[in-house]
Each structure stands twice: as C-alpha cells, then as structure tokens.
Amino acid sequence: QVQLVESGGGLVQAGGSLRLSCAVSGRTFRLFHMGWFRQAPGKEREFVAGLRWSGTTYYPDSVKGRFTISRDNAKNTVYLQMNSLKPEDTAVYYCAADSNYSGTSKEGYHYWGQGTQVTVSS
C-alpha cells in the first residue's frame, strides 16, 4: 500500500514563497515518477511539476522559473518550492506518484495525496 501525505500549504502574500512536502510510504519510492497538480474551485486539476525517477524535471509554462520540484529519496519525500507566488496560484495542491507513468495527465498517476490548500492574497 502506497500513501502520500502533503503538507506545507497556507496563506501567503503575492510575491511570497511556500514549500510543499509530500511524504510517501513504500519501499520503492526512489523508483516512482512524481508529480504535483493543483485544482482551483470550478476548474480542472492541472499539472504543475513532474519529476521522473531518473531526475528529469518538467513544468508547464505557467510555473516554469517559479516552481521547483525535488526529492529526497532518503526521506521518501518530494518537495515543491514555489516562489514569486501569484493570486492565480491559489488552489488545492496534490502530489501524485506512479511507477510507470511520468507524463502531465492526471489520469496517468495511480497514487494521490489528500491535497493541501495554498492561498495567495493580492
């Protein structure tokens, strides 16, 4: 059984920073492809960052240069560092994991956390 638990969300002013964490249970964490998604009220869940087990990272243009995904295999944890936050970044943020899929579609990921709220005030 694989479980993902996010933390680190909160309220921040525009231009500020937050770091989200996602703790992953399971001995094969280092082999998982990891992703971060977000969902704002009334909108579809969208991809914001991906990290393959090989170390390759990828981002959509909306967050490129502001968000950084990383992992610590010794701690079974993946992080999302978010800088220069904007009000439009307000959403519930979810981490996701899969042993095979490493793309940008939410349908491809098998394991999900419960989400953590990020609110950016203007």
PDB file of N, CA and C in Angstrom:
ATOM      1  N   GLN A   1       0.840  -1.190   0.000  1.00  0.00           N
ATOM      2  CA  GLN A   1       0.000   0.000   0.000  1.00  0.00           C
ATOM      3  C   GLN A   1       0.882   1.249   0.000  1.00  0.00           C
ATOM      4  N   VAL A   2       0.615   2.137  -0.920  1.00  0.00           N
ATOM      5  CA  VAL A   2       1.370   3.385  -1.016  1.00  0.00           C
ATOM      6  C   VAL A   2       0.471   4.528  -0.563  1.00  0.00           C
ATOM      7  N   GLN A   3       0.970   5.342   0.331  1.00  0.00           N
ATOM      8  CA  GLN A   3       0.220   6.505   0.802  1.00  0.00           C
ATOM      9  C   GLN A   3       1.053   7.769   0.623  1.00  0.00           C
ATOM     10  N   LEU A   4       0.370   8.844   0.244  1.00  0.00           N
ATOM     11  CA  LEU A   4       1.012  10.131   0.050  1.00  0.00           C
ATOM     12  C   LEU A   4       0.347  11.148   0.976  1.00  0.00           C
ATOM     13  N   VAL A   5       1.152  11.910   1.694  1.00  0.00           N
ATOM     14  CA  VAL A   5       0.617  12.906   2.615  1.00  0.00           C
ATOM     15  C   VAL A   5       1.308  14.239   2.359  1.00  0.00           C
ATOM     16  N   GLU A   6       0.522  15.218   1.913  1.00  0.00           N
ATOM     17  CA  GLU A   6       1.070  16.545   1.640  1.00  0.00           C
ATOM     18  C   GLU A   6       1.029  17.422   2.886  1.00  0.00           C
ATOM     19  N   SER A   7       1.928  18.378   2.932  1.00  0.00           N
ATOM     20  CA  SER A   7       1.929  19.377   3.993  1.00  0.00           C
ATOM     21  C   SER A   7       2.611  20.634   3.469  1.00  0.00           C
ATOM     22  N   GLY A   8       2.465  21.727   4.219  1.00  0.00           N
ATOM     23  CA  GLY A   8       3.171  22.942   3.865  1.00  0.00           C
ATOM     24  C   GLY A   8       2.325  24.029   3.240  1.00  0.00           C
ATOM     25  N   GLY A   9       1.064  23.743   3.001  1.00  0.00           N
ATOM     26  CA  GLY A   9       0.206  24.758   2.427  1.00  0.00           C
ATOM     27  C   GLY A   9      -0.088  25.869   3.423  1.00  0.00           C
ATOM     28  N   GLY A  10      -0.715  26.944   2.939  1.00  0.00           N
ATOM     29  CA  GLY A  10      -1.054  28.037   3.819  1.00  0.00           C
ATOM     30  C   GLY A  10      -1.407  29.286   3.048  1.00  0.00           C
ATOM     31  N   LEU A  11      -1.442  30.386   3.776  1.00  0.00           N
ATOM     32  CA  LEU A  11      -1.772  31.688   3.202  1.00  0.00           C
ATOM     33  C   LEU A  11      -0.496  32.504   3.062  1.00  0.00           C
ATOM     34  N   VAL A  12      -0.298  33.074   1.884  1.00  0.00           N
ATOM     35  CA  VAL A  12       0.901  33.864   1.624  1.00  0.00           C
ATOM     36  C   VAL A  12       0.522  35.041   0.747  1.00  0.00           C
ATOM     37  N   GLN A  13       1.262  36.124   0.889  1.00  0.00           N
ATOM     38  CA  GLN A  13       1.012  37.285   0.040  1.00  0.00           C
ATOM     39  C   GLN A  13       1.626  37.088  -1.333  1.00  0.00           C
ATOM     40  N   ALA A  14       1.087  37.776  -2.299  1.00  0.00           N
ATOM     41  CA  ALA A  14       1.635  37.727  -3.652  1.00  0.00           C
ATOM     42  C   ALA A  14       3.109  38.123  -3.624  1.00  0.00           C
ATOM     43  N   GLY A  15       3.912  37.359  -4.357  1.00  0.00           N
ATOM     44  CA  GLY A  15       5.347  37.565  -4.373  1.00  0.00           C
ATOM     45  C   GLY A  15       6.096  36.726  -3.365  1.00  0.00           C
ATOM     46  N   GLY A  16       5.373  36.097  -2.467  1.00  0.00           N
ATOM     47  CA  GLY A  16       5.984  35.280  -1.438  1.00  0.00           C
ATOM     48  C   GLY A  16       6.292  33.876  -1.908  1.00  0.00           C
ATOM     49  N   SER A  17       6.750  33.053  -0.965  1.00  0.00           N
ATOM     50  CA  SER A  17       7.168  31.688  -1.270  1.00  0.00           C
ATOM     51  C   SER A  17       6.553  30.703  -0.292  1.00  0.00           C
ATOM     52  N   LEU A  18       6.404  29.484  -0.745  1.00  0.00           N
ATOM     53  CA  LEU A  18       5.995  28.360   0.094  1.00  0.00           C
ATOM     54  C   LEU A  18       6.719  27.122  -0.403  1.00  0.00           C
ATOM     55  N   ARG A  19       6.955  26.189   0.512  1.00  0.00           N
ATOM     56  CA  ARG A  19       7.480  24.897   0.108  1.00  0.00           C
ATOM     57  C   ARG A  19       6.520  23.811   0.578  1.00  0.00           C
ATOM     58  N   LEU A  20       6.012  23.074  -0.372  1.00  0.00           N
ATOM     59  CA  LEU A  20       5.148  21.947  -0.069  1.00  0.00           C
ATOM     60  C   LEU A  20       5.979  20.677   0.034  1.00  0.00           C
ATOM     61  N   SER A  21       5.534  19.786   0.914  1.00  0.00           N
ATOM     62  CA  SER A  21       6.182  18.489   1.064  1.00  0.00           C
ATOM     63  C   SER A  21       5.158  17.391   0.837  1.00  0.00           C
ATOM     64  N   CYS A  22       5.630  16.269   0.365  1.00  0.00           N
ATOM     65  CA  CYS A  22       4.784  15.098   0.170  1.00  0.00           C
ATOM     66  C   CYS A  22       5.562  13.882   0.651  1.00  0.00           C
ATOM     67  N   ALA A  23       5.131  13.329   1.766  1.00  0.00           N
ATOM     68  CA  ALA A  23       5.761  12.141   2.316  1.00  0.00           C
ATOM     69  C   ALA A  23       5.104  10.907   1.722  1.00  0.00           C
ATOM     70  N   VAL A  24       5.917   9.985   1.243  1.00  0.00           N
ATOM     71  CA  VAL A  24       5.427   8.803   0.538  1.00  0.00           C
ATOM     72  C   VAL A  24       5.829   7.551   1.290  1.00  0.00           C
ATOM     73  N   SER A  25       4.854   6.719   1.594  1.00  0.00           N
ATOM     74  CA  SER A  25       5.164   5.443   2.219  1.00  0.00           C
ATOM     75  C   SER A  25       5.485   4.432   1.134  1.00  0.00           C
ATOM     76  N   GLY A  26       6.235   3.416   1.485  1.00  0.00           N
ATOM     77  CA  GLY A  26       6.557   2.397   0.496  1.00  0.00           C
ATOM     78  C   GLY A  26       8.039   2.339   0.234  1.00  0.00           C
ATOM     79  N   ARG A  27       8.540   1.126   0.054  1.00  0.00           N
ATOM     80  CA  ARG A  27       9.976   0.944  -0.076  1.00  0.00           C
ATOM     81  C   ARG A  27      10.511   1.300  -1.447  1.00  0.00           C
ATOM     82  N   THR A  28       9.611   1.452  -2.426  1.00  0.00           N
ATOM     83  CA  THR A  28      10.087   1.688  -3.788  1.00  0.00           C
ATOM     84  C   THR A  28       9.956   3.136  -4.204  1.00  0.00           C
ATOM     85  N   PHE A  29       9.961   4.041  -3.245  1.00  0.00           N
ATOM     86  CA  PHE A  29       9.780   5.458  -3.546  1.00  0.00           C
ATOM     87  C   PHE A  29      10.771   5.921  -4.612  1.00  0.00           C
ATOM     88  N   ARG A  30      12.015   5.495  -4.522  1.00  0.00           N
ATOM     89  CA  ARG A  30      13.042   6.007  -5.420  1.00  0.00           C
ATOM     90  C   ARG A  30      12.761   5.642  -6.882  1.00  0.00           C
ATOM     91  N   LEU A  31      11.862   4.665  -7.101  1.00  0.00           N
ATOM     92  CA  LEU A  31      11.531   4.246  -8.461  1.00  0.00           C
ATOM     93  C   LEU A  31      10.255   4.901  -8.991  1.00  0.00           C
ATOM     94  N   PHE A  32       9.598   5.697  -8.142  1.00  0.00           N
ATOM     95  CA  PHE A  32       8.364   6.337  -8.569  1.00  0.00           C
ATOM     96  C   PHE A  32       8.646   7.592  -9.388  1.00  0.00           C
ATOM     97  N   HIS A  33       7.810   7.810 -10.393  1.00  0.00           N
ATOM     98  CA  HIS A  33       7.723   9.114 -11.021  1.00  0.00           C
ATOM     99  C   HIS A  33       6.746   9.943 -10.178  1.00  0.00           C
ATOM    100  N   MET A  34       7.115  11.186  -9.894  1.00  0.00           N
ATOM    101  CA  MET A  34       6.316  12.014  -9.019  1.00  0.00           C
ATOM    102  C   MET A  34       5.769  13.226  -9.767  1.00  0.00           C
ATOM    103  N   GLY A  35       4.599  13.666  -9.356  1.00  0.00           N
ATOM    104  CA  GLY A  35       4.013  14.846  -9.964  1.00  0.00           C
ATOM    105  C   GLY A  35       3.299  15.695  -8.932  1.00  0.00           C
ATOM    106  N   TRP A  36       3.212  16.973  -9.213  1.00  0.00           N
ATOM    107  CA  TRP A  36       2.386  17.895  -8.438  1.00  0.00           C
ATOM    108  C   TRP A  36       1.308  18.447  -9.367  1.00  0.00           C
ATOM    109  N   PHE A  37       0.098  18.486  -8.856  1.00  0.00           N
ATOM    110  CA  PHE A  37      -1.039  19.039  -9.578  1.00  0.00           C
ATOM    111  C   PHE A  37      -1.735  20.048  -8.664  1.00  0.00           C
ATOM    112  N   ARG A  38      -2.600  20.836  -9.260  1.00  0.00           N
ATOM    113  CA  ARG A  38      -3.395  21.758  -8.442  1.00  0.00           C
ATOM    114  C   ARG A  38      -4.805  21.872  -9.040  1.00  0.00           C
ATOM    115  N   GLN A  39      -5.724  22.205  -8.158  1.00  0.00           N
ATOM    116  CA  GLN A  39      -7.102  22.357  -8.593  1.00  0.00           C
ATOM    117  C   GLN A  39      -7.725  23.553  -7.886  1.00  0.00           C
ATOM    118  N   ALA A  40      -8.106  24.535  -8.677  1.00  0.00           N
ATOM    119  CA  ALA A  40      -8.805  25.710  -8.166  1.00  0.00           C
ATOM    120  C   ALA A  40     -10.309  25.452  -8.235  1.00  0.00           C
ATOM    121  N   PRO A  41     -11.094  26.166  -7.429  1.00  0.00           N
ATOM    122  CA  PRO A  41     -12.554  25.957  -7.443  1.00  0.00           C
ATOM    123  C   PRO A  41     -13.133  26.134  -8.839  1.00  0.00           C
ATOM    124  N   GLY A  42     -13.906  25.158  -9.253  1.00  0.00           N
ATOM    125  CA  GLY A  42     -14.572  25.227 -10.550  1.00  0.00           C
ATOM    126  C   GLY A  42     -13.697  24.926 -11.740  1.00  0.00           C
ATOM    127  N   LYS A  43     -12.451  24.514 -11.476  1.00  0.00           N
ATOM    128  CA  LYS A  43     -11.520  24.241 -12.581  1.00  0.00           C
ATOM    129  C   LYS A  43     -11.051  22.798 -12.541  1.00  0.00           C
ATOM    130  N   GLU A  44     -10.492  22.378 -13.666  1.00  0.00           N
ATOM    131  CA  GLU A  44      -9.932  21.043 -13.755  1.00  0.00           C
ATOM    132  C   GLU A  44      -8.618  20.975 -12.977  1.00  0.00           C
ATOM    133  N   ARG A  45      -8.292  19.784 -12.519  1.00  0.00           N
ATOM    134  CA  ARG A  45      -6.991  19.573 -11.890  1.00  0.00           C
ATOM    135  C   ARG A  45      -5.924  19.680 -12.974  1.00  0.00           C
ATOM    136  N   GLU A  46      -4.901  20.501 -12.718  1.00  0.00           N
ATOM    137  CA  GLU A  46      -3.885  20.732 -13.727  1.00  0.00           C
ATOM    138  C   GLU A  46      -2.494  20.395 -13.206  1.00  0.00           C
ATOM    139  N   PHE A  47      -1.663  19.993 -14.143  1.00  0.00           N
ATOM    140  CA  PHE A  47      -0.292  19.614 -13.852  1.00  0.00           C
ATOM    141  C   PHE A  47       0.551  20.861 -13.593  1.00  0.00           C
ATOM    142  N   VAL A  48       1.431  20.791 -12.562  1.00  0.00           N
ATOM    143  CA  VAL A  48       2.325  21.916 -12.307  1.00  0.00           C
ATOM    144  C   VAL A  48       3.796  21.524 -12.238  1.00  0.00           C
ATOM    145  N   ALA A  49       4.101  20.263 -12.000  1.00  0.00           N
ATOM    146  CA  ALA A  49       5.508  19.873 -11.952  1.00  0.00           C
ATOM    147  C   ALA A  49       5.620  18.363 -11.998  1.00  0.00           C
ATOM    148  N   GLY A  50       6.680  17.876 -12.639  1.00  0.00           N
ATOM    149  CA  GLY A  50       6.918  16.448 -12.708  1.00  0.00           C
ATOM    150  C   GLY A  50       8.382  16.131 -12.477  1.00  0.00           C
ATOM    151  N   LEU A  51       8.625  14.967 -11.900  1.00  0.00           N
ATOM    152  CA  LEU A  51       9.988  14.540 -11.606  1.00  0.00           C
ATOM    153  C   LEU A  51      10.079  13.038 -11.822  1.00  0.00           C
ATOM    154  N   ARG A  52      10.791  12.647 -12.850  1.00  0.00           N
ATOM    155  CA  ARG A  52      10.968  11.218 -13.112  1.00  0.00           C
ATOM    156  C   ARG A  52      11.969  10.629 -12.127  1.00  0.00           C
ATOM    157  N   TRP A  53      11.921   9.299 -11.960  1.00  0.00           N
ATOM    158  CA  TRP A  53      12.830   8.669 -11.008  1.00  0.00           C
ATOM    159  C   TRP A  53      14.286   8.924 -11.416  1.00  0.00           C
ATOM    160  N   SER A  54      14.506   9.176 -12.715  1.00  0.00           N
ATOM    161  CA  SER A  54      15.863   9.428 -13.211  1.00  0.00           C
ATOM    162  C   SER A  54      16.384  10.810 -12.823  1.00  0.00           C
ATOM    163  N   GLY A  55      15.474  11.684 -12.389  1.00  0.00           N
ATOM    164  CA  GLY A  55      15.883  13.029 -12.015  1.00  0.00           C
ATOM    165  C   GLY A  55      15.429  14.112 -12.969  1.00  0.00           C
ATOM    166  N   THR A  56      14.889  13.732 -14.101  1.00  0.00           N
ATOM    167  CA  THR A  56      14.405  14.724 -15.063  1.00  0.00           C
ATOM    168  C   THR A  56      13.194  15.464 -14.504  1.00  0.00           C
ATOM    169  N   THR A  57      13.201  16.772 -14.641  1.00  0.00           N
ATOM    170  CA  THR A  57      12.071  17.579 -14.192  1.00  0.00           C
ATOM    171  C   THR A  57      11.423  18.284 -15.379  1.00  0.00           C
ATOM    172  N   TYR A  58      10.139  18.619 -15.222  1.00  0.00           N
ATOM    173  CA  TYR A  58       9.442  19.302 -16.301  1.00  0.00           C
ATOM    174  C   TYR A  58       8.271  20.069 -15.715  1.00  0.00           C
ATOM    175  N   TYR A  59       7.968  21.203 -16.353  1.00  0.00           N
ATOM    176  CA  TYR A  59       6.978  22.138 -15.836  1.00  0.00           C
ATOM    177  C   TYR A  59       6.175  22.738 -16.991  1.00  0.00           C
ATOM    178  N   PRO A  60       4.954  23.138 -16.719  1.00  0.00           N
ATOM    179  CA  PRO A  60       4.231  23.915 -17.725  1.00  0.00           C
ATOM    180  C   PRO A  60       4.743  25.354 -17.718  1.00  0.00           C
ATOM    181  N   ASP A  61       4.474  26.070 -18.764  1.00  0.00           N
ATOM    182  CA  ASP A  61       4.959  27.449 -18.872  1.00  0.00           C
ATOM    183  C   ASP A  61       4.436  28.344 -17.753  1.00  0.00           C
ATOM    184  N   SER A  62       3.258  28.023 -17.244  1.00  0.00           N
ATOM    185  CA  SER A  62       2.633  28.880 -16.227  1.00  0.00           C
ATOM    186  C   SER A  62       3.441  28.971 -14.938  1.00  0.00           C
ATOM    187  N   VAL A  63       4.267  27.970 -14.662  1.00  0.00           N
ATOM    188  CA  VAL A  63       5.033  27.974 -13.408  1.00  0.00           C
ATOM    189  C   VAL A  63       6.543  27.875 -13.636  1.00  0.00           C
ATOM    190  N   LYS A  64       6.960  27.670 -14.868  1.00  0.00           N
ATOM    191  CA  LYS A  64       8.383  27.498 -15.155  1.00  0.00           C
ATOM    192  C   LYS A  64       9.173  28.715 -14.697  1.00  0.00           C
ATOM    193  N   GLY A  65      10.256  28.455 -13.993  1.00  0.00           N
ATOM    194  CA  GLY A  65      11.075  29.537 -13.459  1.00  0.00           C
ATOM    195  C   GLY A  65      10.650  30.002 -12.077  1.00  0.00           C
ATOM    196  N   ARG A  66       9.464  29.594 -11.640  1.00  0.00           N
ATOM    197  CA  ARG A  66       8.976  29.972 -10.303  1.00  0.00           C
ATOM    198  C   ARG A  66       8.865  28.761  -9.376  1.00  0.00           C
ATOM    199  N   PHE A  67       8.506  27.606  -9.917  1.00  0.00           N
ATOM    200  CA  PHE A  67       8.318  26.390  -9.120  1.00  0.00           C
ATOM    201  C   PHE A  67       9.471  25.423  -9.382  1.00  0.00           C
ATOM    202  N   THR A  68       9.860  24.706  -8.340  1.00  0.00           N
ATOM    203  CA  THR A  68      10.911  23.702  -8.464  1.00  0.00           C
ATOM    204  C   THR A  68      10.494  22.450  -7.714  1.00  0.00           C
ATOM    205  N   ILE A  69      10.508  21.323  -8.405  1.00  0.00           N
ATOM    206  CA  ILE A  69      10.218  20.043  -7.780  1.00  0.00           C
ATOM    207  C   ILE A  69      11.529  19.335  -7.477  1.00  0.00           C
ATOM    208  N   SER A  70      11.583  18.684  -6.332  1.00  0.00           N
ATOM    209  CA  SER A  70      12.786  17.943  -5.958  1.00  0.00           C
ATOM    210  C   SER A  70      12.383  16.778  -5.068  1.00  0.00           C
ATOM    211  N   ARG A  71      13.319  15.883  -4.831  1.00  0.00           N
ATOM    212  CA  ARG A  71      13.014  14.737  -3.987  1.00  0.00           C
ATOM    213  C   ARG A  71      14.207  14.408  -3.110  1.00  0.00           C
ATOM    214  N   ASP A  72      13.906  13.801  -1.979  1.00  0.00           N
ATOM    215  CA  ASP A  72      14.922  13.279  -1.077  1.00  0.00           C
ATOM    216  C   ASP A  72      14.593  11.805  -0.882  1.00  0.00           C
ATOM    217  N   ASN A  73      15.296  10.955  -1.574  1.00  0.00           N
ATOM    218  CA  ASN A  73      14.987   9.523  -1.512  1.00  0.00           C
ATOM    219  C   ASN A  73      15.236   8.938  -0.126  1.00  0.00           C
ATOM    220  N   ALA A  74      16.158   9.517   0.628  1.00  0.00           N
ATOM    221  CA  ALA A  74      16.441   9.018   1.978  1.00  0.00           C
ATOM    222  C   ALA A  74      15.262   9.291   2.913  1.00  0.00           C
ATOM    223  N   LYS A  75      14.482  10.334   2.597  1.00  0.00           N
ATOM    224  CA  LYS A  75      13.345  10.695   3.437  1.00  0.00           C
ATOM    225  C   LYS A  75      12.013  10.312   2.812  1.00  0.00           C
ATOM    226  N   ASN A  76      12.055   9.674   1.645  1.00  0.00           N
ATOM    227  CA  ASN A  76      10.817   9.316   0.936  1.00  0.00           C
ATOM    228  C   ASN A  76       9.898  10.529   0.784  1.00  0.00           C
ATOM    229  N   THR A  77      10.474  11.644   0.398  1.00  0.00           N
ATOM    230  CA  THR A  77       9.721  12.889   0.339  1.00  0.00           C
ATOM    231  C   THR A  77      10.014  13.623  -0.967  1.00  0.00           C
ATOM    232  N   VAL A  78       8.961  14.200  -1.525  1.00  0.00           N
ATOM    233  CA  VAL A  78       9.096  15.069  -2.683  1.00  0.00           C
ATOM    234  C   VAL A  78       8.639  16.462  -2.278  1.00  0.00           C
ATOM    235  N   TYR A  79       9.287  17.467  -2.839  1.00  0.00           N
ATOM    236  CA  TYR A  79       9.021  18.847  -2.467  1.00  0.00           C
ATOM    237  C   TYR A  79       8.575  19.659  -3.682  1.00  0.00           C
ATOM    238  N   LEU A  80       7.858  20.723  -3.412  1.00  0.00           N
ATOM    239  CA  LEU A  80       7.551  21.704  -4.440  1.00  0.00           C
ATOM    240  C   LEU A  80       7.847  23.078  -3.842  1.00  0.00           C
ATOM    241  N   GLN A  81       8.945  23.666  -4.296  1.00  0.00           N
ATOM    242  CA  GLN A  81       9.292  25.012  -3.876  1.00  0.00           C
ATOM    243  C   GLN A  81       8.597  25.986  -4.816  1.00  0.00           C
ATOM    244  N   MET A  82       7.816  26.888  -4.252  1.00  0.00           N
ATOM    245  CA  MET A  82       7.044  27.836  -5.048  1.00  0.00           C
ATOM    246  C   MET A  82       7.466  29.249  -4.684  1.00  0.00           C
ATOM    247  N   ASN A  83       8.000  29.948  -5.649  1.00  0.00           N
ATOM    248  CA  ASN A  83       8.451  31.320  -5.451  1.00  0.00           C
ATOM    249  C   ASN A  83       7.636  32.273  -6.318  1.00  0.00           C
ATOM    250  N   SER A  84       7.732  33.550  -5.997  1.00  0.00           N
ATOM    251  CA  SER A  84       7.027  34.586  -6.772  1.00  0.00           C
ATOM    252  C   SER A  84       5.562  34.213  -6.975  1.00  0.00           C
ATOM    253  N   LEU A  85       4.921  33.828  -5.899  1.00  0.00           N
ATOM    254  CA  LEU A  85       3.550  33.349  -5.997  1.00  0.00           C
ATOM    255  C   LEU A  85       2.593  34.451  -6.427  1.00  0.00           C
ATOM    256  N   LYS A  86       1.580  34.044  -7.170  1.00  0.00           N
ATOM    257  CA  LYS A  86       0.574  34.954  -7.696  1.00  0.00           C
ATOM    258  C   LYS A  86      -0.804  34.530  -7.192  1.00  0.00           C
ATOM    259  N   PRO A  87      -1.751  35.447  -7.151  1.00  0.00           N
ATOM    260  CA  PRO A  87      -3.108  35.062  -6.724  1.00  0.00           C
ATOM    261  C   PRO A  87      -3.680  33.911  -7.552  1.00  0.00           C
ATOM    262  N   GLU A  88      -3.324  33.832  -8.819  1.00  0.00           N
ATOM    263  CA  GLU A  88      -3.842  32.757  -9.665  1.00  0.00           C
ATOM    264  C   GLU A  88      -3.217  31.390  -9.340  1.00  0.00           C
ATOM    265  N   ASP A  89      -2.229  31.367  -8.452  1.00  0.00           N
ATOM    266  CA  ASP A  89      -1.681  30.085  -7.988  1.00  0.00           C
ATOM    267  C   ASP A  89      -2.529  29.491  -6.860  1.00  0.00           C
ATOM    268  N   THR A  90      -3.525  30.222  -6.399  1.00  0.00           N
ATOM    269  CA  THR A  90      -4.395  29.732  -5.342  1.00  0.00           C
ATOM    270  C   THR A  90      -5.135  28.481  -5.784  1.00  0.00           C
ATOM    271  N   ALA A  91      -5.005  27.412  -4.999  1.00  0.00           N
ATOM    272  CA  ALA A  91      -5.612  26.125  -5.355  1.00  0.00           C
ATOM    273  C   ALA A  91      -5.309  25.122  -4.252  1.00  0.00           C
ATOM    274  N   VAL A  92      -5.945  23.975  -4.346  1.00  0.00           N
ATOM    275  CA  VAL A  92      -5.529  22.816  -3.564  1.00  0.00           C
ATOM    276  C   VAL A  92      -4.452  22.097  -4.379  1.00  0.00           C
ATOM    277  N   TYR A  93      -3.334  21.833  -3.738  1.00  0.00           N
ATOM    278  CA  TYR A  93      -2.209  21.200  -4.405  1.00  0.00           C
ATOM    279  C   TYR A  93      -2.125  19.734  -3.983  1.00  0.00           C
ATOM    280  N   TYR A  94      -1.951  18.873  -4.982  1.00  0.00           N
ATOM    281  CA  TYR A  94      -1.904  17.438  -4.764  1.00  0.00           C
ATOM    282  C   TYR A  94      -0.585  16.872  -5.287  1.00  0.00           C
ATOM    283  N   CYS A  95      -0.016  15.932  -4.568  1.00  0.00           N
ATOM    284  CA  CYS A  95       1.096  15.192  -5.143  1.00  0.00           C
ATOM    285  C   CYS A  95       0.581  13.842  -5.635  1.00  0.00           C
ATOM    286  N   ALA A  96       1.266  13.314  -6.613  1.00  0.00           N
ATOM    287  CA  ALA A  96       0.862  12.072  -7.253  1.00  0.00           C
ATOM    288  C   ALA A  96       2.098  11.246  -7.554  1.00  0.00           C
ATOM    289  N   ALA A  97       1.898   9.941  -7.621  1.00  0.00           N
ATOM    290  CA  ALA A  97       3.008   9.032  -7.877  1.00  0.00           C
ATOM    291  C   ALA A  97       2.563   7.896  -8.775  1.00  0.00           C
ATOM    292  N   ASP A  98       3.499   7.412  -9.564  1.00  0.00           N
ATOM    293  CA  ASP A  98       3.229   6.238 -10.382  1.00  0.00           C
ATOM    294  C   ASP A  98       4.543   5.566 -10.728  1.00  0.00           C
ATOM    295  N   SER A  99       4.510   4.257 -10.811  1.00  0.00           N
ATOM    296  CA  SER A  99       5.743   3.518 -11.103  1.00  0.00           C
ATOM    297  C   SER A  99       6.017   3.422 -12.601  1.00  0.00           C
ATOM    298  N   ASN A 100       5.013   3.732 -13.423  1.00  0.00           N
ATOM    299  CA  ASN A 100       5.200   3.611 -14.871  1.00  0.00           C
ATOM    300  C   ASN A 100       5.008   4.930 -15.616  1.00  0.00           C
ATOM    301  N   TYR A 101       3.990   5.674 -15.234  1.00  0.00           N
ATOM    302  CA  TYR A 101       3.634   6.880 -15.978  1.00  0.00           C
ATOM    303  C   TYR A 101       4.388   8.086 -15.442  1.00  0.00           C
ATOM    304  N   SER A 102       4.852   8.949 -16.355  1.00  0.00           N
ATOM    305  CA  SER A 102       5.591  10.137 -15.927  1.00  0.00           C
ATOM    306  C   SER A 102       5.192  11.361 -16.736  1.00  0.00           C
ATOM    307  N   GLY A 103       3.971  11.379 -17.236  1.00  0.00           N
ATOM    308  CA  GLY A 103       3.542  12.486 -18.057  1.00  0.00           C
ATOM    309  C   GLY A 103       2.829  13.566 -17.285  1.00  0.00           C
ATOM    310  N   THR A 104       2.027  14.352 -18.004  1.00  0.00           N
ATOM    311  CA  THR A 104       1.356  15.504 -17.417  1.00  0.00           C
ATOM    312  C   THR A 104      -0.144  15.304 -17.218  1.00  0.00           C
ATOM    313  N   SER A 105      -0.649  14.125 -17.540  1.00  0.00           N
ATOM    314  CA  SER A 105      -2.074  13.863 -17.404  1.00  0.00           C
ATOM    315  C   SER A 105      -2.396  13.282 -16.042  1.00  0.00           C
ATOM    316  N   LYS A 106      -3.402  13.826 -15.397  1.00  0.00           N
ATOM    317  CA  LYS A 106      -3.755  13.338 -14.062  1.00  0.00           C
ATOM    318  C   LYS A 106      -4.244  11.888 -14.111  1.00  0.00           C
ATOM    319  N   GLU A 107      -4.778  11.484 -15.255  1.00  0.00           N
ATOM    320  CA  GLU A 107      -5.301  10.117 -15.372  1.00  0.00           C
ATOM    321  C   GLU A 107      -4.190   9.072 -15.334  1.00  0.00           C
ATOM    322  N   GLY A 108      -2.972   9.477 -15.563  1.00  0.00           N
ATOM    323  CA  GLY A 108      -1.883   8.515 -15.618  1.00  0.00           C
ATOM    324  C   GLY A 108      -1.321   8.112 -14.275  1.00  0.00           C
ATOM    325  N   TYR A 109      -1.590   8.894 -13.251  1.00  0.00           N
ATOM    326  CA  TYR A 109      -0.997   8.634 -11.938  1.00  0.00           C
ATOM    327  C   TYR A 109      -1.917   7.769 -11.091  1.00  0.00           C
ATOM    328  N   HIS A 110      -1.320   6.782 -10.460  1.00  0.00           N
ATOM    329  CA  HIS A 110      -2.113   5.803  -9.711  1.00  0.00           C
ATOM    330  C   HIS A 110      -2.342   6.231  -8.271  1.00  0.00           C
ATOM    331  N   TYR A 111      -1.363   6.876  -7.670  1.00  0.00           N
ATOM    332  CA  TYR A 111      -1.442   7.204  -6.243  1.00  0.00           C
ATOM    333  C   TYR A 111      -1.541   8.716  -6.058  1.00  0.00           C
ATOM    334  N   TRP A 112      -2.391   9.114  -5.082  1.00  0.00           N
ATOM    335  CA  TRP A 112      -2.639  10.536  -4.832  1.00  0.00           C
ATOM    336  C   TRP A 112      -2.671  10.831  -3.345  1.00  0.00           C
ATOM    337  N   GLY A 113      -2.240  12.043  -3.005  1.00  0.00           N
ATOM    338  CA  GLY A 113      -2.415  12.524  -1.655  1.00  0.00           C
ATOM    339  C   GLY A 113      -3.765  13.197  -1.493  1.00  0.00           C
ATOM    340  N   GLN A 114      -4.013  13.690  -0.296  1.00  0.00           N
ATOM    341  CA  GLN A 114      -5.304  14.279   0.013  1.00  0.00           C
ATOM    342  C   GLN A 114      -5.373  15.760  -0.339  1.00  0.00           C
ATOM    343  N   GLY A 115      -4.236  16.374  -0.609  1.00  0.00           N
ATOM    344  CA  GLY A 115      -4.197  17.770  -1.006  1.00  0.00           C
ATOM    345  C   GLY A 115      -3.900  18.711   0.141  1.00  0.00           C
ATOM    346  N   THR A 116      -3.325  19.852  -0.197  1.00  0.00           N
ATOM    347  CA  THR A 116      -3.058  20.895   0.779  1.00  0.00           C
ATOM    348  C   THR A 116      -3.404  22.245   0.131  1.00  0.00           C
ATOM    349  N   GLN A 117      -4.071  23.091   0.891  1.00  0.00           N
ATOM    350  CA  GLN A 117      -4.561  24.358   0.350  1.00  0.00           C
ATOM    351  C   GLN A 117      -3.455  25.407   0.323  1.00  0.00           C
ATOM    352  N   VAL A 118      -3.340  26.066  -0.809  1.00  0.00           N
ATOM    353  CA  VAL A 118      -2.449  27.216  -0.956  1.00  0.00           C
ATOM    354  C   VAL A 118      -3.302  28.415  -1.366  1.00  0.00           C
ATOM    355  N   THR A 119      -3.218  29.470  -0.586  1.00  0.00           N
ATOM    356  CA  THR A 119      -3.961  30.684  -0.880  1.00  0.00           C
ATOM    357  C   THR A 119      -2.995  31.858  -0.979  1.00  0.00           C
ATOM    358  N   VAL A 120      -3.046  32.549  -2.104  1.00  0.00           N
ATOM    359  CA  VAL A 120      -2.155  33.677  -2.342  1.00  0.00           C
ATOM    360  C   VAL A 120      -3.006  34.939  -2.385  1.00  0.00           C
ATOM    361  N   SER A 121      -2.753  35.844  -1.466  1.00  0.00           N
ATOM    362  CA  SER A 121      -3.533  37.086  -1.405  1.00  0.00           C
ATOM    363  C   SER A 121      -2.845  38.174  -2.219  1.00  0.00           C
ATOM    364  N   SER A 122      -3.653  39.049  -2.766  1.00  0.00           N
ATOM    365  CA  SER A 122      -3.102  40.127  -3.602  1.00  0.00           C
ATOM    366  C   SER A 122      -2.798  41.369  -2.782  1.00  0.00           C
TER     367      SER A 122
END
